[in-house]
PDB file of N, CA and C in Angstrom:
ATOM      1  N   MET A   1       0.829  -1.159   0.000  1.00  0.00           N
ATOM      2  CA  MET A   1       0.000   0.000   0.000  1.00  0.00           C
ATOM      3  C   MET A   1       0.887   1.240   0.000  1.00  0.00           C
ATOM      4  N   ALA A   2       0.837   1.984  -1.018  1.00  0.00           N
ATOM      5  CA  ALA A   2       1.644   3.181  -1.195  1.00  0.00           C
ATOM      6  C   ALA A   2       0.883   4.387  -0.678  1.00  0.00           C
ATOM      7  N   VAL A   3       1.632   5.303  -0.074  1.00  0.00           N
ATOM      8  CA  VAL A   3       1.035   6.524   0.481  1.00  0.00           C
ATOM      9  C   VAL A   3       1.414   7.671  -0.435  1.00  0.00           C
ATOM     10  N   THR A   4       0.413   8.459  -0.788  1.00  0.00           N
ATOM     11  CA  THR A   4       0.665   9.572  -1.697  1.00  0.00           C
ATOM     12  C   THR A   4       1.133  10.787  -0.903  1.00  0.00           C
ATOM     13  N   LYS A   5       1.581  11.752  -1.664  1.00  0.00           N
ATOM     14  CA  LYS A   5       2.069  12.973  -1.026  1.00  0.00           C
ATOM     15  C   LYS A   5       0.943  13.710  -0.310  1.00  0.00           C
ATOM     16  N   GLU A   6      -0.219  13.685  -0.867  1.00  0.00           N
ATOM     17  CA  GLU A   6      -1.365  14.346  -0.226  1.00  0.00           C
ATOM     18  C   GLU A   6      -1.659  13.714   1.117  1.00  0.00           C
ATOM     19  N   GLU A   7      -1.619  12.422   1.170  1.00  0.00           N
ATOM     20  CA  GLU A   7      -1.907  11.720   2.422  1.00  0.00           C
ATOM     21  C   GLU A   7      -0.819  12.026   3.470  1.00  0.00           C
ATOM     22  N   LEU A   8       0.428  12.083   3.016  1.00  0.00           N
ATOM     23  CA  LEU A   8       1.511  12.418   3.939  1.00  0.00           C
ATOM     24  C   LEU A   8       1.339  13.843   4.481  1.00  0.00           C
ATOM     25  N   THR A   9       0.939  14.765   3.640  1.00  0.00           N
ATOM     26  CA  THR A   9       0.712  16.145   4.082  1.00  0.00           C
ATOM     27  C   THR A   9      -0.422  16.206   5.078  1.00  0.00           C
ATOM     28  N   GLU A  10      -1.508  15.469   4.809  1.00  0.00           N
ATOM     29  CA  GLU A  10      -2.632  15.442   5.735  1.00  0.00           C
ATOM     30  C   GLU A  10      -2.217  14.839   7.082  1.00  0.00           C
ATOM     31  N   ILE A  11      -1.434  13.775   7.032  1.00  0.00           N
ATOM     32  CA  ILE A  11      -0.971  13.133   8.269  1.00  0.00           C
ATOM     33  C   ILE A  11      -0.084  14.084   9.068  1.00  0.00           C
ATOM     34  N   SER A  12       0.842  14.763   8.398  1.00  0.00           N
ATOM     35  CA  SER A  12       1.739  15.681   9.112  1.00  0.00           C
ATOM     36  C   SER A  12       0.973  16.854   9.707  1.00  0.00           C
ATOM     37  N   ASP A  13      -0.041  17.382   8.949  1.00  0.00           N
ATOM     38  CA  ASP A  13      -0.863  18.463   9.495  1.00  0.00           C
ATOM     39  C   ASP A  13      -1.624  17.992  10.718  1.00  0.00           C
ATOM     40  N   TYR A  14      -2.179  16.794  10.657  1.00  0.00           N
ATOM     41  CA  TYR A  14      -2.929  16.236  11.774  1.00  0.00           C
ATOM     42  C   TYR A  14      -2.018  16.069  12.998  1.00  0.00           C
ATOM     43  N   ILE A  15      -0.807  15.567  12.772  1.00  0.00           N
ATOM     44  CA  ILE A  15       0.136  15.359  13.876  1.00  0.00           C
ATOM     45  C   ILE A  15       0.531  16.704  14.492  1.00  0.00           C
ATOM     46  N   LYS A  16       0.763  17.696  13.649  1.00  0.00           N
ATOM     47  CA  LYS A  16       1.125  19.020  14.165  1.00  0.00           C
ATOM     48  C   LYS A  16       0.009  19.597  15.037  1.00  0.00           C
ATOM     49  N   GLU A  17      -1.236  19.434  14.584  1.00  0.00           N
ATOM     50  CA  GLU A  17      -2.363  19.960  15.343  1.00  0.00           C
ATOM     51  C   GLU A  17      -2.508  19.233  16.680  1.00  0.00           C
ATOM     52  N   LYS A  18      -2.422  17.931  16.648  1.00  0.00           N
ATOM     53  CA  LYS A  18      -2.690  17.131  17.829  1.00  0.00           C
ATOM     54  C   LYS A  18      -1.492  17.018  18.782  1.00  0.00           C
ATOM     55  N   PHE A  19      -0.299  17.260  18.280  1.00  0.00           N
ATOM     56  CA  PHE A  19       0.899  17.090  19.108  1.00  0.00           C
ATOM     57  C   PHE A  19       0.864  17.982  20.342  1.00  0.00           C
ATOM     58  N   ARG A  20       0.518  19.247  20.151  1.00  0.00           N
ATOM     59  CA  ARG A  20       0.458  20.181  21.273  1.00  0.00           C
ATOM     60  C   ARG A  20      -0.577  19.725  22.305  1.00  0.00           C
ATOM     61  N   GLU A  21      -1.703  19.251  21.830  1.00  0.00           N
ATOM     62  CA  GLU A  21      -2.736  18.776  22.749  1.00  0.00           C
ATOM     63  C   GLU A  21      -2.246  17.552  23.511  1.00  0.00           C
ATOM     64  N   TRP A  22      -1.603  16.611  22.811  1.00  0.00           N
ATOM     65  CA  TRP A  22      -1.106  15.407  23.457  1.00  0.00           C
ATOM     66  C   TRP A  22      -0.061  15.769  24.524  1.00  0.00           C
ATOM     67  N   VAL A  23       0.848  16.653  24.169  1.00  0.00           N
ATOM     68  CA  VAL A  23       1.893  17.052  25.112  1.00  0.00           C
ATOM     69  C   VAL A  23       1.272  17.751  26.310  1.00  0.00           C
ATOM     70  N   ALA A  24       0.267  18.614  26.050  1.00  0.00           N
ATOM     71  CA  ALA A  24      -0.375  19.338  27.146  1.00  0.00           C
ATOM     72  C   ALA A  24      -1.120  18.400  28.075  1.00  0.00           C
ATOM     73  N   THR A  25      -1.762  17.361  27.528  1.00  0.00           N
ATOM     74  CA  THR A  25      -2.506  16.427  28.375  1.00  0.00           C
ATOM     75  C   THR A  25      -1.591  15.417  29.056  1.00  0.00           C
ATOM     76  N   GLU A  26      -0.568  14.956  28.366  1.00  0.00           N
ATOM     77  CA  GLU A  26       0.334  13.953  28.930  1.00  0.00           C
ATOM     78  C   GLU A  26       1.311  14.574  29.932  1.00  0.00           C
ATOM     79  N   ILE A  27       1.937  15.698  29.575  1.00  0.00           N
ATOM     80  CA  ILE A  27       2.908  16.371  30.430  1.00  0.00           C
ATOM     81  C   ILE A  27       2.480  17.842  30.517  1.00  0.00           C
ATOM     82  N   PRO A  28       1.661  18.178  31.506  1.00  0.00           N
ATOM     83  CA  PRO A  28       1.116  19.534  31.555  1.00  0.00           C
ATOM     84  C   PRO A  28       2.185  20.610  31.731  1.00  0.00           C
ATOM     85  N   GLY A  29       3.306  20.314  32.371  1.00  0.00           N
ATOM     86  CA  GLY A  29       4.348  21.316  32.580  1.00  0.00           C
ATOM     87  C   GLY A  29       5.087  21.679  31.320  1.00  0.00           C
ATOM     88  N   LEU A  30       4.947  20.877  30.269  1.00  0.00           N
ATOM     89  CA  LEU A  30       5.720  21.136  29.066  1.00  0.00           C
ATOM     90  C   LEU A  30       4.909  21.732  27.924  1.00  0.00           C
ATOM     91  N   SER A  31       3.695  22.114  28.179  1.00  0.00           N
ATOM     92  CA  SER A  31       2.962  22.746  27.086  1.00  0.00           C
ATOM     93  C   SER A  31       3.664  24.052  26.742  1.00  0.00           C
ATOM     94  N   SER A  32       3.713  24.359  25.487  1.00  0.00           N
ATOM     95  CA  SER A  32       4.488  25.507  25.041  1.00  0.00           C
ATOM     96  C   SER A  32       3.965  26.808  25.639  1.00  0.00           C
ATOM     97  N   ARG A  33       2.673  26.949  25.750  1.00  0.00           N
ATOM     98  CA  ARG A  33       2.084  28.166  26.304  1.00  0.00           C
ATOM     99  C   ARG A  33       2.446  28.303  27.785  1.00  0.00           C
ATOM    100  N   ALA A  34       2.238  27.228  28.515  1.00  0.00           N
ATOM    101  CA  ALA A  34       2.569  27.247  29.940  1.00  0.00           C
ATOM    102  C   ALA A  34       4.071  27.437  30.143  1.00  0.00           C
ATOM    103  N   TYR A  35       4.861  26.791  29.303  1.00  0.00           N
ATOM    104  CA  TYR A  35       6.310  26.920  29.405  1.00  0.00           C
ATOM    105  C   TYR A  35       6.742  28.361  29.156  1.00  0.00           C
ATOM    106  N   GLU A  36       6.155  29.000  28.154  1.00  0.00           N
ATOM    107  CA  GLU A  36       6.480  30.393  27.860  1.00  0.00           C
ATOM    108  C   GLU A  36       6.113  31.299  29.034  1.00  0.00           C
ATOM    109  N   ILE A  37       4.948  31.061  29.620  1.00  0.00           N
ATOM    110  CA  ILE A  37       4.521  31.874  30.761  1.00  0.00           C
ATOM    111  C   ILE A  37       5.464  31.664  31.942  1.00  0.00           C
ATOM    112  N   GLU A  38       5.788  30.410  32.213  1.00  0.00           N
ATOM    113  CA  GLU A  38       6.707  30.119  33.305  1.00  0.00           C
ATOM    114  C   GLU A  38       8.075  30.738  33.050  1.00  0.00           C
ATOM    115  N   LEU A  39       8.516  30.637  31.799  1.00  0.00           N
ATOM    116  CA  LEU A  39       9.802  31.213  31.427  1.00  0.00           C
ATOM    117  C   LEU A  39       9.792  32.726  31.607  1.00  0.00           C
ATOM    118  N   ARG A  40       8.715  33.375  31.213  1.00  0.00           N
ATOM    119  CA  ARG A  40       8.603  34.824  31.386  1.00  0.00           C
ATOM    120  C   ARG A  40       8.605  35.200  32.864  1.00  0.00           C
ATOM    121  N   GLU A  41       7.896  34.420  33.674  1.00  0.00           N
ATOM    122  CA  GLU A  41       7.880  34.689  35.113  1.00  0.00           C
ATOM    123  C   GLU A  41       9.282  34.557  35.702  1.00  0.00           C
ATOM    124  N   ARG A  42       9.980  33.541  35.261  1.00  0.00           N
ATOM    125  CA  ARG A  42      11.353  33.371  35.740  1.00  0.00           C
ATOM    126  C   ARG A  42      12.227  34.546  35.314  1.00  0.00           C
ATOM    127  N   ILE A  43      12.070  34.980  34.082  1.00  0.00           N
ATOM    128  CA  ILE A  43      12.854  36.113  33.584  1.00  0.00           C
ATOM    129  C   ILE A  43      12.554  37.349  34.418  1.00  0.00           C
ATOM    130  N   VAL A  44      11.281  37.566  34.725  1.00  0.00           N
ATOM    131  CA  VAL A  44      10.897  38.724  35.531  1.00  0.00           C
ATOM    132  C   VAL A  44      11.536  38.630  36.914  1.00  0.00           C
ATOM    133  N   ARG A  45      11.510  37.437  37.528  1.00  0.00           N
ATOM    134  CA  ARG A  45      12.119  37.264  38.849  1.00  0.00           C
ATOM    135  C   ARG A  45      13.627  37.501  38.794  1.00  0.00           C
ATOM    136  N   VAL A  46      14.250  37.017  37.726  1.00  0.00           N
ATOM    137  CA  VAL A  46      15.690  37.228  37.577  1.00  0.00           C
ATOM    138  C   VAL A  46      15.991  38.717  37.407  1.00  0.00           C
ATOM    139  N   GLU A  47      15.192  39.412  36.606  1.00  0.00           N
ATOM    140  CA  GLU A  47      15.403  40.851  36.419  1.00  0.00           C
ATOM    141  C   GLU A  47      15.223  41.602  37.731  1.00  0.00           C
ATOM    142  N   GLU A  48      14.207  41.226  38.522  1.00  0.00           N
ATOM    143  CA  GLU A  48      13.993  41.875  39.808  1.00  0.00           C
ATOM    144  C   GLU A  48      15.174  41.615  40.745  1.00  0.00           C
ATOM    145  N   GLU A  49      15.658  40.389  40.737  1.00  0.00           N
ATOM    146  CA  GLU A  49      16.792  40.062  41.597  1.00  0.00           C
ATOM    147  C   GLU A  49      18.041  40.822  41.149  1.00  0.00           C
ATOM    148  N   LEU A  50      18.239  40.941  39.848  1.00  0.00           N
ATOM    149  CA  LEU A  50      19.374  41.723  39.339  1.00  0.00           C
ATOM    150  C   LEU A  50      19.245  43.183  39.750  1.00  0.00           C
ATOM    151  N   ARG A  51      18.040  43.714  39.688  1.00  0.00           N
ATOM    152  CA  ARG A  51      17.806  45.103  40.104  1.00  0.00           C
ATOM    153  C   ARG A  51      18.144  45.260  41.589  1.00  0.00           C
ATOM    154  N   ASN A  52      17.687  44.282  42.395  1.00  0.00           N
ATOM    155  CA  ASN A  52      18.005  44.333  43.826  1.00  0.00           C
ATOM    156  C   ASN A  52      19.509  44.250  44.065  1.00  0.00           C
ATOM    157  N   GLN A  53      20.171  43.364  43.329  1.00  0.00           N
ATOM    158  CA  GLN A  53      21.623  43.241  43.464  1.00  0.00           C
ATOM    159  C   GLN A  53      22.325  44.535  43.065  1.00  0.00           C
ATOM    160  N   ARG A  54      21.851  45.159  42.005  1.00  0.00           N
ATOM    161  CA  ARG A  54      22.432  46.424  41.555  1.00  0.00           C
ATOM    162  C   ARG A  54      22.267  47.493  42.627  1.00  0.00           C
ATOM    163  N   GLU A  55      21.084  47.559  43.253  1.00  0.00           N
ATOM    164  CA  GLU A  55      20.854  48.535  44.313  1.00  0.00           C
ATOM    165  C   GLU A  55      21.747  48.260  45.515  1.00  0.00           C
ATOM    166  N   LEU A  56      21.889  46.977  45.864  1.00  0.00           N
ATOM    167  CA  LEU A  56      22.772  46.628  46.975  1.00  0.00           C
ATOM    168  C   LEU A  56      24.221  47.006  46.666  1.00  0.00           C
ATOM    169  N   MET A  57      24.645  46.744  45.434  1.00  0.00           N
ATOM    170  CA  MET A  57      26.009  47.103  45.048  1.00  0.00           C
ATOM    171  C   MET A  57      26.197  48.613  45.099  1.00  0.00           C
ATOM    172  N   LYS A  58      25.194  49.353  44.640  1.00  0.00           N
ATOM    173  CA  LYS A  58      25.287  50.815  44.674  1.00  0.00           C
ATOM    174  C   LYS A  58      25.389  51.299  46.112  1.00  0.00           C
ATOM    175  N   GLN A  59      24.576  50.718  46.997  1.00  0.00           N
ATOM    176  CA  GLN A  59      24.656  51.087  48.407  1.00  0.00           C
ATOM    177  C   GLN A  59      26.036  50.764  48.973  1.00  0.00           C
ATOM    178  N   GLY A  60      26.563  49.611  48.606  1.00  0.00           N
ATOM    179  CA  GLY A  60      27.903  49.237  49.064  1.00  0.00           C
ATOM    180  C   GLY A  60      28.959  50.206  48.576  1.00  0.00           C
ATOM    181  N   PHE A  61      28.870  50.600  47.315  1.00  0.00           N
ATOM    182  CA  PHE A  61      29.834  51.559  46.774  1.00  0.00           C
ATOM    183  C   PHE A  61      29.688  52.919  47.451  1.00  0.00           C
ATOM    184  N   ASP A  62      28.450  53.324  47.725  1.00  0.00           N
ATOM    185  CA  ASP A  62      28.236  54.590  48.423  1.00  0.00           C
ATOM    186  C   ASP A  62      28.847  54.545  49.819  1.00  0.00           C
ATOM    187  N   LEU A  63      28.655  53.423  50.508  1.00  0.00           N
ATOM    188  CA  LEU A  63      29.251  53.275  51.832  1.00  0.00           C
ATOM    189  C   LEU A  63      30.778  53.294  51.760  1.00  0.00           C
ATOM    190  N   MET A  64      31.328  52.654  50.720  1.00  0.00           N
ATOM    191  CA  MET A  64      32.783  52.670  50.553  1.00  0.00           C
ATOM    192  C   MET A  64      33.276  54.086  50.293  1.00  0.00           C
ATOM    193  N   ASP A  65      32.540  54.843  49.461  1.00  0.00           N
ATOM    194  CA  ASP A  65      32.926  56.231  49.201  1.00  0.00           C
ATOM    195  C   ASP A  65      32.918  57.049  50.488  1.00  0.00           C
ATOM    196  N   LYS A  66      31.879  56.865  51.309  1.00  0.00           N
ATOM    197  CA  LYS A  66      31.819  57.582  52.584  1.00  0.00           C
ATOM    198  C   LYS A  66      33.007  57.199  53.468  1.00  0.00           C
ATOM    199  N   ARG A  67      33.318  55.916  53.490  1.00  0.00           N
ATOM    200  CA  ARG A  67      34.433  55.460  54.316  1.00  0.00           C
ATOM    201  C   ARG A  67      35.748  56.048  53.824  1.00  0.00           C
ATOM    202  N   PHE A  68      35.938  56.097  52.504  1.00  0.00           N
ATOM    203  CA  PHE A  68      37.154  56.700  51.956  1.00  0.00           C
ATOM    204  C   PHE A  68      37.234  58.180  52.317  1.00  0.00           C
ATOM    205  N   GLU A  69      36.089  58.875  52.282  1.00  0.00           N
ATOM    206  CA  GLU A  69      36.078  60.276  52.675  1.00  0.00           C
ATOM    207  C   GLU A  69      36.482  60.419  54.138  1.00  0.00           C
ATOM    208  N   GLN A  70      35.988  59.518  55.000  1.00  0.00           N
ATOM    209  CA  GLN A  70      36.366  59.562  56.405  1.00  0.00           C
ATOM    210  C   GLN A  70      37.865  59.327  56.572  1.00  0.00           C
ATOM    211  N   VAL A  71      38.389  58.375  55.824  1.00  0.00           N
ATOM    212  CA  VAL A  71      39.822  58.091  55.896  1.00  0.00           C
ATOM    213  C   VAL A  71      40.618  59.301  55.420  1.00  0.00           C
ATOM    214  N   ASP A  72      40.153  59.956  54.344  1.00  0.00           N
ATOM    215  CA  ASP A  72      40.826  61.160  53.855  1.00  0.00           C
ATOM    216  C   ASP A  72      40.825  62.249  54.919  1.00  0.00           C
ATOM    217  N   LYS A  73      39.696  62.418  55.618  1.00  0.00           N
ATOM    218  CA  LYS A  73      39.636  63.414  56.685  1.00  0.00           C
ATOM    219  C   LYS A  73      40.616  63.072  57.797  1.00  0.00           C
ATOM    220  N   ARG A  74      40.702  61.785  58.119  1.00  0.00           N
ATOM    221  CA  ARG A  74      41.649  61.385  59.164  1.00  0.00           C
ATOM    222  C   ARG A  74      43.082  61.679  58.737  1.00  0.00           C
ATOM    223  N   PHE A  75      43.403  61.429  57.477  1.00  0.00           N
ATOM    224  CA  PHE A  75      44.744  61.742  56.989  1.00  0.00           C
ATOM    225  C   PHE A  75      45.008  63.241  57.060  1.00  0.00           C
ATOM    226  N   GLU A  76      43.999  64.042  56.729  1.00  0.00           N
ATOM    227  CA  GLU A  76      44.164  65.487  56.828  1.00  0.00           C
ATOM    228  C   GLU A  76      44.430  65.899  58.268  1.00  0.00           C
ATOM    229  N   GLN A  77      43.706  65.278  59.221  1.00  0.00           N
ATOM    230  CA  GLN A  77      43.934  65.576  60.631  1.00  0.00           C
ATOM    231  C   GLN A  77      45.352  65.181  61.047  1.00  0.00           C
ATOM    232  N   VAL A  78      45.797  64.023  60.573  1.00  0.00           N
ATOM    233  CA  VAL A  78      47.152  63.573  60.896  1.00  0.00           C
ATOM    234  C   VAL A  78      48.168  64.539  60.310  1.00  0.00           C
ATOM    235  N   ASP A  79      47.922  65.011  59.069  1.00  0.00           N
ATOM    236  CA  ASP A  79      48.826  65.989  58.457  1.00  0.00           C
ATOM    237  C   ASP A  79      48.886  67.266  59.286  1.00  0.00           C
ATOM    238  N   LYS A  80      47.741  67.727  59.780  1.00  0.00           N
ATOM    239  CA  LYS A  80      47.721  68.933  60.619  1.00  0.00           C
ATOM    240  C   LYS A  80      48.514  68.702  61.900  1.00  0.00           C
ATOM    241  N   ARG A  81      48.365  67.524  62.476  1.00  0.00           N
ATOM    242  CA  ARG A  81      49.114  67.214  63.688  1.00  0.00           C
ATOM    243  C   ARG A  81      50.612  67.199  63.418  1.00  0.00           C
ATOM    244  N   PHE A  82      51.022  66.640  62.284  1.00  0.00           N
ATOM    245  CA  PHE A  82      52.443  66.643  61.942  1.00  0.00           C
ATOM    246  C   PHE A  82      52.947  68.066  61.750  1.00  0.00           C
ATOM    247  N   GLU A  83      52.130  68.908  61.146  1.00  0.00           N
ATOM    248  CA  GLU A  83      52.528  70.311  60.983  1.00  0.00           C
ATOM    249  C   GLU A  83      52.707  70.973  62.342  1.00  0.00           C
ATOM    250  N   GLN A  84      51.795  70.673  63.283  1.00  0.00           N
ATOM    251  CA  GLN A  84      51.925  71.233  64.629  1.00  0.00           C
ATOM    252  C   GLN A  84      53.199  70.733  65.307  1.00  0.00           C
ATOM    253  N   VAL A  85      53.487  69.440  65.134  1.00  0.00           N
ATOM    254  CA  VAL A  85      54.709  68.876  65.718  1.00  0.00           C
ATOM    255  C   VAL A  85      55.926  69.529  65.098  1.00  0.00           C
ATOM    256  N   ASP A  86      55.905  69.737  63.777  1.00  0.00           N
ATOM    257  CA  ASP A  86      57.026  70.402  63.109  1.00  0.00           C
ATOM    258  C   ASP A  86      57.230  71.807  63.658  1.00  0.00           C
ATOM    259  N   LYS A  87      56.152  72.563  63.847  1.00  0.00           N
ATOM    260  CA  LYS A  87      56.269  73.916  64.401  1.00  0.00           C
ATOM    261  C   LYS A  87      56.855  73.873  65.806  1.00  0.00           C
ATOM    262  N   ARG A  88      56.370  72.920  66.602  1.00  0.00           N
ATOM    263  CA  ARG A  88      56.870  72.792  67.973  1.00  0.00           C
ATOM    264  C   ARG A  88      58.350  72.442  67.965  1.00  0.00           C
ATOM    265  N   LEU A  89      58.767  71.540  67.083  1.00  0.00           N
ATOM    266  CA  LEU A  89      60.186  71.183  66.989  1.00  0.00           C
ATOM    267  C   LEU A  89      61.034  72.377  66.555  1.00  0.00           C
ATOM    268  N   GLU A  90      60.520  73.186  65.653  1.00  0.00           N
ATOM    269  CA  GLU A  90      61.242  74.396  65.241  1.00  0.00           C
ATOM    270  C   GLU A  90      61.411  75.341  66.428  1.00  0.00           C
ATOM    271  N   GLN A  91      60.364  75.472  67.235  1.00  0.00           N
ATOM    272  CA  GLN A  91      60.469  76.319  68.417  1.00  0.00           C
ATOM    273  C   GLN A  91      61.529  75.779  69.373  1.00  0.00           C
ATOM    274  N   ILE A  92      61.548  74.455  69.555  1.00  0.00           N
ATOM    275  CA  ILE A  92      62.546  73.842  70.443  1.00  0.00           C
ATOM    276  C   ILE A  92      63.945  74.052  69.887  1.00  0.00           C
ATOM    277  N   GLU A  93      64.114  73.895  68.583  1.00  0.00           N
ATOM    278  CA  GLU A  93      65.418  74.121  67.952  1.00  0.00           C
ATOM    279  C   GLU A  93      65.869  75.557  68.157  1.00  0.00           C
ATOM    280  N   ASN A  94      64.939  76.493  68.023  1.00  0.00           N
ATOM    281  CA  ASN A  94      65.294  77.912  68.223  1.00  0.00           C
ATOM    282  C   ASN A  94      65.725  78.156  69.675  1.00  0.00           C
ATOM    283  N   ARG A  95      65.019  77.554  70.616  1.00  0.00           N
ATOM    284  CA  ARG A  95      65.373  77.729  72.025  1.00  0.00           C
ATOM    285  C   ARG A  95      66.746  77.129  72.326  1.00  0.00           C
ATOM    286  N   ILE A  96      66.985  75.943  71.737  1.00  0.00           N
ATOM    287  CA  ILE A  96      68.300  75.311  71.948  1.00  0.00           C
ATOM    288  C   ILE A  96      69.402  76.165  71.341  1.00  0.00           C
ATOM    289  N   ALA A  97      69.173  76.686  70.148  1.00  0.00           N
ATOM    290  CA  ALA A  97      70.177  77.542  69.509  1.00  0.00           C
ATOM    291  C   ALA A  97      70.421  78.796  70.352  1.00  0.00           C
ATOM    292  N   GLU A  98      69.364  79.379  70.900  1.00  0.00           N
ATOM    293  CA  GLU A  98      69.513  80.560  71.750  1.00  0.00           C
ATOM    294  C   GLU A  98      70.302  80.218  73.017  1.00  0.00           C
ATOM    295  N   MET A  99      69.976  79.057  73.631  1.00  0.00           N
ATOM    296  CA  MET A  99      70.718  78.644  74.822  1.00  0.00           C
ATOM    297  C   MET A  99      72.184  78.383  74.496  1.00  0.00           C
ATOM    298  N   SER A 100      72.446  77.788  73.358  1.00  0.00           N
ATOM    299  CA  SER A 100      73.814  77.519  72.938  1.00  0.00           C
ATOM    300  C   SER A 100      74.574  78.829  72.741  1.00  0.00           C
ATOM    301  N   ARG A 101      73.920  79.800  72.128  1.00  0.00           N
ATOM    302  CA  ARG A 101      74.546  81.112  71.903  1.00  0.00           C
ATOM    303  C   ARG A 101      74.847  81.784  73.239  1.00  0.00           C
ATOM    304  N   ARG A 102      73.922  81.712  74.178  1.00  0.00           N
ATOM    305  CA  ARG A 102      74.132  82.325  75.502  1.00  0.00           C
ATOM    306  C   ARG A 102      75.267  81.621  76.252  1.00  0.00           C
ATOM    307  N   MET A 103      75.295  80.289  76.168  1.00  0.00           N
ATOM    308  CA  MET A 103      76.373  79.560  76.847  1.00  0.00           C
ATOM    309  C   MET A 103      77.728  79.929  76.259  1.00  0.00           C
ATOM    310  N   PHE A 104      77.773  80.073  74.927  1.00  0.00           N
ATOM    311  CA  PHE A 104      79.032  80.462  74.294  1.00  0.00           C
ATOM    312  C   PHE A 104      79.450  81.848  74.771  1.00  0.00           C
ATOM    313  N   GLN A 105      78.524  82.792  74.848  1.00  0.00           N
ATOM    314  CA  GLN A 105      78.840  84.133  75.344  1.00  0.00           C
ATOM    315  C   GLN A 105      79.303  84.080  76.801  1.00  0.00           C
ATOM    316  N   PHE A 106      78.615  83.247  77.606  1.00  0.00           N
ATOM    317  CA  PHE A 106      79.001  83.110  79.002  1.00  0.00           C
ATOM    318  C   PHE A 106      80.413  82.549  79.113  1.00  0.00           C
ATOM    319  N   MET A 107      80.736  81.555  78.258  1.00  0.00           N
ATOM    320  CA  MET A 107      82.084  80.979  78.292  1.00  0.00           C
ATOM    321  C   MET A 107      83.122  82.027  77.920  1.00  0.00           C
ATOM    322  N   ILE A 108      82.826  82.838  76.920  1.00  0.00           N
ATOM    323  CA  ILE A 108      83.772  83.894  76.517  1.00  0.00           C
ATOM    324  C   ILE A 108      83.944  84.898  77.660  1.00  0.00           C
ATOM    325  N   TRP A 109      82.849  85.325  78.241  1.00  0.00           N
ATOM    326  CA  TRP A 109      82.924  86.282  79.355  1.00  0.00           C
ATOM    327  C   TRP A 109      83.662  85.661  80.545  1.00  0.00           C
ATOM    328  N   SER A 110      83.367  84.382  80.822  1.00  0.00           N
ATOM    329  CA  SER A 110      84.057  83.717  81.941  1.00  0.00           C
ATOM    330  C   SER A 110      85.550  83.606  81.674  1.00  0.00           C
ATOM    331  N   PHE A 111      85.909  83.220  80.458  1.00  0.00           N
ATOM    332  CA  PHE A 111      87.329  83.110  80.103  1.00  0.00           C
ATOM    333  C   PHE A 111      88.003  84.476  80.200  1.00  0.00           C
ATOM    334  N   GLY A 112      87.329  85.489  79.659  1.00  0.00           N
ATOM    335  CA  GLY A 112      87.891  86.852  79.726  1.00  0.00           C
ATOM    336  C   GLY A 112      88.043  87.322  81.162  1.00  0.00           C
ATOM    337  N   PHE A 113      87.059  87.077  81.995  1.00  0.00           N
ATOM    338  CA  PHE A 113      87.130  87.475  83.393  1.00  0.00           C
ATOM    339  C   PHE A 113      88.255  86.735  84.108  1.00  0.00           C
ATOM    340  N   THR A 114      88.370  85.414  83.841  1.00  0.00           N
ATOM    341  CA  THR A 114      89.426  84.622  84.474  1.00  0.00           C
ATOM    342  C   THR A 114      90.796  85.132  84.062  1.00  0.00           C
ATOM    343  N   VAL A 115      91.008  85.386  82.781  1.00  0.00           N
ATOM    344  CA  VAL A 115      92.303  85.881  82.294  1.00  0.00           C
ATOM    345  C   VAL A 115      92.580  87.256  82.905  1.00  0.00           C
ATOM    346  N   THR A 116      91.581  88.133  82.955  1.00  0.00           N
ATOM    347  CA  THR A 116      91.777  89.472  83.514  1.00  0.00           C
ATOM    348  C   THR A 116      92.103  89.373  85.010  1.00  0.00           C
ATOM    349  N   ALA A 117      91.364  88.538  85.725  1.00  0.00           N
ATOM    350  CA  ALA A 117      91.619  88.392  87.160  1.00  0.00           C
ATOM    351  C   ALA A 117      93.021  87.820  87.387  1.00  0.00           C
ATOM    352  N   ALA A 118      93.432  86.839  86.590  1.00  0.00           N
ATOM    353  CA  ALA A 118      94.771  86.254  86.735  1.00  0.00           C
ATOM    354  C   ALA A 118      95.828  87.312  86.444  1.00  0.00           C
ATOM    355  N   GLY A 119      95.609  88.123  85.450  1.00  0.00           N
ATOM    356  CA  GLY A 119      96.563  89.194  85.110  1.00  0.00           C
ATOM    357  C   GLY A 119      96.675  90.196  86.230  1.00  0.00           C
ATOM    358  N   ILE A 120      95.557  90.569  86.834  1.00  0.00           N
ATOM    359  CA  ILE A 120      95.577  91.536  87.930  1.00  0.00           C
ATOM    360  C   ILE A 120      96.307  90.942  89.144  1.00  0.00           C
ATOM    361  N   ILE A 121      96.011  89.669  89.426  1.00  0.00           N
ATOM    362  CA  ILE A 121      96.671  89.015  90.567  1.00  0.00           C
ATOM    363  C   ILE A 121      98.178  88.936  90.336  1.00  0.00           C
ATOM    364  N   ILE A 122      98.616  88.603  89.169  1.00  0.00           N
ATOM    365  CA  ILE A 122     100.054  88.523  88.864  1.00  0.00           C
ATOM    366  C   ILE A 122     100.664  89.912  88.960  1.00  0.00           C
ATOM    367  N   ALA A 123      99.996  90.924  88.462  1.00  0.00           N
ATOM    368  CA  ALA A 123     100.512  92.288  88.501  1.00  0.00           C
ATOM    369  C   ALA A 123     100.621  92.738  89.949  1.00  0.00           C
ATOM    370  N   VAL A 124      99.667  92.432  90.771  1.00  0.00           N
ATOM    371  CA  VAL A 124      99.726  92.849  92.177  1.00  0.00           C
ATOM    372  C   VAL A 124     100.843  92.109  92.902  1.00  0.00           C
ATOM    373  N   LEU A 125     101.046  90.873  92.654  1.00  0.00           N
ATOM    374  CA  LEU A 125     102.095  90.102  93.298  1.00  0.00           C
ATOM    375  C   LEU A 125     103.475  90.544  92.880  1.00  0.00           C
ATOM    376  N   LYS A 126     103.664  91.050  91.698  1.00  0.00           N
ATOM    377  CA  LYS A 126     104.958  91.499  91.235  1.00  0.00           C
ATOM    378  C   LYS A 126     105.306  92.831  91.880  1.00  0.00           C
ATOM    379  N   PHE A 127     104.407  93.609  92.240  1.00  0.00           N
ATOM    380  CA  PHE A 127     104.724  94.903  92.856  1.00  0.00           C
ATOM    381  C   PHE A 127     104.816  94.728  94.264  1.00  0.00           C
TER     382      PHE A 127
END
């Protein structure tokens, strides 16, 4: 029994029409319509989760920026403290230099006084 092309076309059309119904009745989760709806719902959930993740990441980056600003402020405070220490050290250096200059003058005056006193004592003893 030979099958003509017309009969094959009719059979294929019939199978195409009934296939979706058979799949829907036999395996309800795999019907193309239901699958598309489920797939769309999943896509929507994934997009919402991505949006939430993006917002969380943005919040994290904002918090990091705030923290970096705080660290920058702390560094500025430390720099100011170092400047204050430098000024204080300069003042101490100036005081030490002044004391050194005074001690040198005192040594010169003491040496001069000692030499003068020794000269006077020798002169008095010779006469």
